[in-house]
Amino acid sequence: MKKGDLITLCRRGSTDVRYATIIRARYTHRFMDRQDYEMEAHGMGEYAGSYGGAVDVLFTDTNTSSRIALGKHKIQVISENEA
């Protein structure tokens, strides 16, 4: 997967398929939820969050961008960018 590729993605355990274009290729991101921010606020930020692969996408139906956690979605490349 690289910038400019057209993909379909589906959240694991769901059947809803969405189309998107990758606007930033794969990178490592620190994912944090509510409990992680609470840990960080109380001085334990080094233990908060989890790291994983991510891509930034632009959804074709709503024209909105989002960061997608690769481990939580099933992604299939439909069309590769030729650039």
N, C-alpha and C. Protein backbone atom coordinates (compact mmCIF):
# COMPACT_ATOMS: atom_id res chain seq x y z
N MET A 1 0.83 -1.17 0.00
CA MET A 1 0.00 0.00 0.00
C MET A 1 0.88 1.25 0.00
N LYS A 2 0.52 2.17 -0.86
CA LYS A 2 1.27 3.41 -0.92
C LYS A 2 0.33 4.57 -1.20
N LYS A 3 0.85 5.77 -1.06
CA LYS A 3 0.05 6.97 -1.27
C LYS A 3 -0.56 6.96 -2.68
N GLY A 4 -1.85 7.25 -2.75
CA GLY A 4 -2.55 7.31 -4.02
C GLY A 4 -3.31 6.05 -4.38
N ASP A 5 -3.10 4.95 -3.68
CA ASP A 5 -3.81 3.70 -3.96
C ASP A 5 -5.28 3.82 -3.56
N LEU A 6 -6.16 3.25 -4.39
CA LEU A 6 -7.58 3.16 -4.07
C LEU A 6 -7.80 1.83 -3.36
N ILE A 7 -8.48 1.87 -2.21
CA ILE A 7 -8.66 0.66 -1.40
C ILE A 7 -10.11 0.50 -0.98
N THR A 8 -10.45 -0.72 -0.59
CA THR A 8 -11.69 -0.96 0.14
C THR A 8 -11.27 -1.35 1.54
N LEU A 9 -12.06 -0.93 2.51
CA LEU A 9 -11.76 -1.34 3.88
C LEU A 9 -13.04 -1.67 4.60
N CYS A 10 -12.89 -2.63 5.51
CA CYS A 10 -14.01 -3.14 6.29
C CYS A 10 -13.50 -3.39 7.70
N ARG A 11 -14.19 -2.87 8.69
CA ARG A 11 -13.79 -3.10 10.08
C ARG A 11 -13.96 -4.58 10.38
N ARG A 12 -12.99 -5.17 11.05
CA ARG A 12 -13.05 -6.60 11.37
C ARG A 12 -14.34 -6.91 12.13
N GLY A 13 -15.06 -7.93 11.70
CA GLY A 13 -16.31 -8.33 12.31
C GLY A 13 -17.52 -7.63 11.72
N SER A 14 -17.33 -6.78 10.73
CA SER A 14 -18.42 -6.04 10.11
C SER A 14 -18.49 -6.40 8.62
N THR A 15 -19.60 -6.07 7.99
CA THR A 15 -19.75 -6.32 6.56
C THR A 15 -19.84 -5.02 5.77
N ASP A 16 -19.77 -3.88 6.45
CA ASP A 16 -19.83 -2.58 5.77
C ASP A 16 -18.50 -2.29 5.09
N VAL A 17 -18.53 -2.15 3.77
CA VAL A 17 -17.32 -1.88 2.99
C VAL A 17 -17.34 -0.42 2.57
N ARG A 18 -16.21 0.25 2.73
CA ARG A 18 -16.07 1.64 2.31
C ARG A 18 -14.89 1.76 1.36
N TYR A 19 -14.99 2.72 0.44
CA TYR A 19 -13.92 3.01 -0.51
C TYR A 19 -13.15 4.23 -0.03
N ALA A 20 -11.82 4.19 -0.21
CA ALA A 20 -10.98 5.29 0.23
C ALA A 20 -9.71 5.34 -0.61
N THR A 21 -9.06 6.49 -0.57
CA THR A 21 -7.76 6.68 -1.21
C THR A 21 -6.74 6.94 -0.12
N ILE A 22 -5.59 6.28 -0.21
CA ILE A 22 -4.54 6.47 0.78
C ILE A 22 -3.87 7.82 0.54
N ILE A 23 -3.83 8.67 1.56
CA ILE A 23 -3.20 9.98 1.43
C ILE A 23 -1.87 10.04 2.20
N ARG A 24 -1.60 9.06 3.04
CA ARG A 24 -0.30 8.93 3.70
C ARG A 24 -0.01 7.45 3.87
N ALA A 25 1.13 7.01 3.36
CA ALA A 25 1.49 5.59 3.39
C ALA A 25 1.69 5.10 4.82
N ARG A 26 1.86 3.81 4.97
CA ARG A 26 1.97 3.16 6.27
C ARG A 26 3.04 3.80 7.15
N TYR A 27 2.70 4.00 8.42
CA TYR A 27 3.61 4.53 9.43
C TYR A 27 3.23 3.95 10.78
N THR A 28 4.08 4.13 11.78
CA THR A 28 3.80 3.66 13.13
C THR A 28 3.17 4.78 13.93
N HIS A 29 2.08 4.43 14.63
CA HIS A 29 1.34 5.43 15.41
C HIS A 29 1.10 4.90 16.82
N ARG A 30 1.09 5.80 17.79
CA ARG A 30 0.78 5.44 19.18
C ARG A 30 -0.71 5.66 19.40
N PHE A 31 -1.46 4.58 19.49
CA PHE A 31 -2.90 4.65 19.70
C PHE A 31 -3.20 4.73 21.19
N MET A 32 -4.06 5.67 21.56
CA MET A 32 -4.41 5.85 22.97
C MET A 32 -5.93 5.97 23.10
N ASP A 33 -6.46 5.40 24.19
CA ASP A 33 -7.88 5.54 24.49
C ASP A 33 -8.04 6.32 25.79
N ARG A 34 -9.25 6.39 26.30
CA ARG A 34 -9.54 7.20 27.48
C ARG A 34 -8.66 6.85 28.66
N GLN A 35 -8.50 5.56 28.94
CA GLN A 35 -7.68 5.14 30.09
C GLN A 35 -6.22 5.55 29.91
N ASP A 36 -5.73 5.51 28.67
CA ASP A 36 -4.35 5.88 28.41
C ASP A 36 -4.12 7.37 28.69
N TYR A 37 -5.07 8.21 28.30
CA TYR A 37 -4.93 9.65 28.58
C TYR A 37 -4.98 9.92 30.08
N GLU A 38 -5.77 9.14 30.79
CA GLU A 38 -5.84 9.28 32.24
C GLU A 38 -4.50 8.88 32.87
N MET A 39 -3.90 7.79 32.40
CA MET A 39 -2.59 7.38 32.89
C MET A 39 -1.55 8.48 32.63
N GLU A 40 -1.59 9.05 31.44
CA GLU A 40 -0.65 10.10 31.08
C GLU A 40 -0.81 11.32 31.99
N ALA A 41 -2.05 11.67 32.30
CA ALA A 41 -2.32 12.82 33.15
C ALA A 41 -1.81 12.62 34.57
N HIS A 42 -1.68 11.36 35.00
CA HIS A 42 -1.22 11.06 36.35
C HIS A 42 0.25 10.63 36.40
N GLY A 43 1.02 11.00 35.37
CA GLY A 43 2.45 10.79 35.40
C GLY A 43 2.93 9.42 34.96
N MET A 44 2.06 8.61 34.36
CA MET A 44 2.46 7.27 33.90
C MET A 44 2.35 7.15 32.38
N GLY A 45 2.69 8.24 31.69
CA GLY A 45 2.55 8.28 30.24
C GLY A 45 3.41 7.27 29.51
N GLU A 46 4.52 6.85 30.13
CA GLU A 46 5.39 5.88 29.45
C GLU A 46 4.73 4.50 29.34
N TYR A 47 3.69 4.25 30.13
CA TYR A 47 2.97 2.97 30.07
C TYR A 47 1.69 3.05 29.25
N ALA A 48 1.34 4.24 28.81
CA ALA A 48 0.06 4.45 28.13
C ALA A 48 0.16 4.17 26.64
N GLY A 49 -0.93 3.69 26.09
CA GLY A 49 -1.05 3.50 24.65
C GLY A 49 -0.45 2.22 24.14
N SER A 50 -0.67 2.01 22.85
CA SER A 50 -0.09 0.86 22.16
C SER A 50 0.32 1.31 20.76
N TYR A 51 1.38 0.76 20.26
CA TYR A 51 1.89 1.13 18.94
C TYR A 51 1.42 0.14 17.90
N GLY A 52 1.14 0.66 16.71
CA GLY A 52 0.71 -0.20 15.61
C GLY A 52 0.81 0.53 14.29
N GLY A 53 0.62 -0.21 13.21
CA GLY A 53 0.66 0.36 11.87
C GLY A 53 -0.61 1.13 11.57
N ALA A 54 -0.45 2.22 10.80
CA ALA A 54 -1.60 3.04 10.43
C ALA A 54 -1.38 3.62 9.04
N VAL A 55 -2.47 3.99 8.39
CA VAL A 55 -2.45 4.75 7.15
C VAL A 55 -3.50 5.84 7.28
N ASP A 56 -3.28 6.96 6.60
CA ASP A 56 -4.29 8.01 6.53
C ASP A 56 -5.01 7.86 5.20
N VAL A 57 -6.34 7.94 5.25
CA VAL A 57 -7.15 7.74 4.05
C VAL A 57 -8.13 8.89 3.88
N LEU A 58 -8.60 9.06 2.64
CA LEU A 58 -9.66 10.00 2.30
C LEU A 58 -10.82 9.17 1.77
N PHE A 59 -11.94 9.19 2.49
CA PHE A 59 -13.11 8.41 2.08
C PHE A 59 -13.77 9.08 0.89
N THR A 60 -14.10 8.28 -0.12
CA THR A 60 -14.66 8.82 -1.35
C THR A 60 -16.13 9.22 -1.19
N ASP A 61 -16.87 8.58 -0.28
CA ASP A 61 -18.29 8.89 -0.15
C ASP A 61 -18.56 10.17 0.65
N THR A 62 -17.73 10.48 1.64
CA THR A 62 -17.96 11.65 2.49
C THR A 62 -16.91 12.73 2.33
N ASN A 63 -15.84 12.45 1.59
CA ASN A 63 -14.74 13.38 1.37
C ASN A 63 -14.11 13.83 2.70
N THR A 64 -14.03 12.89 3.66
CA THR A 64 -13.39 13.16 4.95
C THR A 64 -12.17 12.27 5.08
N SER A 65 -11.19 12.75 5.86
CA SER A 65 -9.98 11.96 6.06
C SER A 65 -9.98 11.35 7.45
N SER A 66 -9.24 10.25 7.59
CA SER A 66 -9.19 9.55 8.87
C SER A 66 -7.92 8.71 8.95
N ARG A 67 -7.47 8.46 10.17
CA ARG A 67 -6.34 7.56 10.42
C ARG A 67 -6.94 6.17 10.64
N ILE A 68 -6.43 5.18 9.95
CA ILE A 68 -6.94 3.82 10.03
C ILE A 68 -5.89 2.91 10.66
N ALA A 69 -6.28 2.22 11.73
CA ALA A 69 -5.41 1.23 12.36
C ALA A 69 -5.43 -0.04 11.51
N LEU A 70 -4.28 -0.45 11.03
CA LEU A 70 -4.23 -1.59 10.10
C LEU A 70 -4.68 -2.89 10.75
N GLY A 71 -4.44 -3.08 12.03
CA GLY A 71 -4.82 -4.31 12.71
C GLY A 71 -6.31 -4.45 12.95
N LYS A 72 -7.06 -3.36 12.81
CA LYS A 72 -8.49 -3.38 13.10
C LYS A 72 -9.36 -3.39 11.86
N HIS A 73 -8.75 -3.36 10.68
CA HIS A 73 -9.49 -3.30 9.43
C HIS A 73 -8.96 -4.32 8.43
N LYS A 74 -9.86 -4.81 7.61
CA LYS A 74 -9.48 -5.65 6.48
C LYS A 74 -9.38 -4.72 5.28
N ILE A 75 -8.20 -4.64 4.67
CA ILE A 75 -7.95 -3.70 3.59
C ILE A 75 -7.55 -4.45 2.33
N GLN A 76 -8.13 -4.02 1.21
CA GLN A 76 -7.79 -4.62 -0.08
C GLN A 76 -7.50 -3.50 -1.07
N VAL A 77 -6.36 -3.58 -1.76
CA VAL A 77 -6.00 -2.58 -2.76
C VAL A 77 -6.75 -2.89 -4.04
N ILE A 78 -7.48 -1.91 -4.54
CA ILE A 78 -8.25 -2.07 -5.80
C ILE A 78 -7.43 -1.59 -6.98
N SER A 79 -6.85 -0.41 -6.83
CA SER A 79 -6.09 0.21 -7.92
C SER A 79 -4.84 0.84 -7.34
N GLU A 80 -3.69 0.49 -7.91
CA GLU A 80 -2.42 1.06 -7.43
C GLU A 80 -2.10 2.34 -8.17
N ASN A 81 -1.51 3.28 -7.43
CA ASN A 81 -1.05 4.52 -8.02
C ASN A 81 0.17 4.24 -8.89
N GLU A 82 0.19 4.75 -10.10
CA GLU A 82 1.28 4.48 -11.03
C GLU A 82 2.45 5.44 -10.87
N ALA A 83 2.32 6.43 -10.00
CA ALA A 83 3.37 7.48 -9.88
C ALA A 83 4.62 6.97 -9.26
